[in-house]
Amino acid sequence: MDTIELGAHAKMIISNKAYNLIFEKVKEKYLMAWSQTGSHQTELRETIYNTVVALTDVKKEIESLAVAGDNETFKKEQEDLNG
């Protein structure tokens, strides 16, 4: 799968109305779980925190792939125009 095709698939995911809602609901659940831990539960708190960071990274990667696909499409269009 090339950058343009992967970007198009990523854009379909992002354009889905449930996309942001799902990410925010999952993040909210983890943050709620984190807030209910005791300060002495350092390992669990760290695990939950790292999970939230990873979730954010996944969302950013999907969005980055969509932008990369758009950029590659634009680049090819410009190359076609300029011969």
Protein backbone atom coordinates (compact mmCIF):
# COMPACT_ATOMS: atom_id res chain seq x y z
CA MET A 1 0.00 0.00 0.00
CA ASP A 2 1.51 3.31 -1.01
CA THR A 3 1.39 6.60 0.89
CA ILE A 4 -1.55 7.95 -1.08
CA GLU A 5 -3.69 4.85 -0.58
CA LEU A 6 -2.79 4.60 3.10
CA GLY A 7 -3.57 8.30 3.52
CA ALA A 8 -6.95 7.84 1.87
CA HIS A 9 -7.81 5.02 4.27
CA ALA A 10 -6.65 7.13 7.22
CA LYS A 11 -8.85 10.01 6.01
CA MET A 12 -11.85 7.67 5.89
CA ILE A 13 -11.23 6.75 9.51
CA ILE A 14 -10.85 10.38 10.57
CA SER A 15 -13.96 11.47 8.69
CA ASN A 16 -16.05 8.89 10.53
CA LYS A 17 -18.23 10.70 13.08
CA ALA A 18 -17.38 8.12 15.73
CA TYR A 19 -13.59 8.62 15.40
CA ASN A 20 -13.08 11.45 17.91
CA LEU A 21 -15.87 10.24 20.15
CA ILE A 22 -14.35 6.78 20.51
CA PHE A 23 -10.86 8.08 21.22
CA GLU A 24 -12.18 10.56 23.78
CA LYS A 25 -14.38 7.96 25.51
CA VAL A 26 -11.51 5.50 25.83
CA LYS A 27 -9.15 8.22 27.04
CA GLU A 28 -11.75 9.40 29.55
CA LYS A 29 -12.14 5.85 30.91
CA TYR A 30 -8.39 5.53 31.43
CA LEU A 31 -8.14 8.93 33.07
CA MET A 32 -11.04 8.06 35.35
CA ALA A 33 -9.33 4.81 36.30
CA TRP A 34 -6.10 6.73 36.95
CA SER A 35 -7.91 9.25 39.16
CA GLN A 36 -9.32 6.42 41.26
CA THR A 37 -5.91 4.94 42.05
CA GLY A 38 -4.10 5.69 45.25
CA SER A 39 -0.81 7.57 45.25
CA HIS A 40 0.86 4.40 46.53
CA GLN A 41 -0.22 2.50 43.38
CA THR A 42 2.66 3.88 41.37
CA GLU A 43 3.03 0.93 38.98
CA LEU A 44 -0.67 0.91 38.08
CA ARG A 45 -0.75 4.70 37.72
CA GLU A 46 2.28 4.58 35.44
CA THR A 47 0.72 1.83 33.32
CA ILE A 48 -2.51 3.79 32.91
CA TYR A 49 -0.60 6.98 32.10
CA ASN A 50 1.50 5.18 29.48
CA THR A 51 -1.66 3.71 27.97
CA VAL A 52 -3.16 7.19 27.58
CA VAL A 53 0.07 8.37 25.94
CA ALA A 54 0.00 5.39 23.56
CA LEU A 55 -3.64 6.03 22.70
CA THR A 56 -2.78 9.63 21.87
CA ASP A 57 0.14 8.44 19.74
CA VAL A 58 -2.15 6.13 17.74
CA LYS A 59 -4.56 8.97 17.05
CA LYS A 60 -1.72 11.28 15.98
CA GLU A 61 -0.29 8.60 13.70
CA ILE A 62 -3.61 8.08 11.92
CA GLU A 63 -3.91 11.84 11.41
CA SER A 64 -0.29 12.08 10.27
CA LEU A 65 -0.84 9.35 7.68
CA ALA A 66 -3.85 11.23 6.32
CA VAL A 67 -1.78 14.40 5.93
CA ALA A 68 1.10 12.47 4.34
CA GLY A 69 -1.31 11.04 1.79
CA ASP A 70 -2.63 14.50 0.96
CA ASN A 71 0.91 15.83 0.62
CA GLU A 72 1.92 12.99 -1.69
CA THR A 73 -1.20 13.51 -3.80
CA PHE A 74 -0.42 17.23 -4.11
CA LYS A 75 3.21 16.47 -4.98
CA LYS A 76 2.18 14.07 -7.77
CA GLU A 77 -0.35 16.56 -9.13
CA GLN A 78 2.33 19.25 -9.23
CA GLU A 79 4.75 16.89 -10.99
CA ASP A 80 2.09 16.04 -13.57
CA LEU A 81 1.42 19.74 -14.20
CA ASN A 82 5.10 20.56 -14.55
CA GLY A 83 5.81 17.65 -16.84
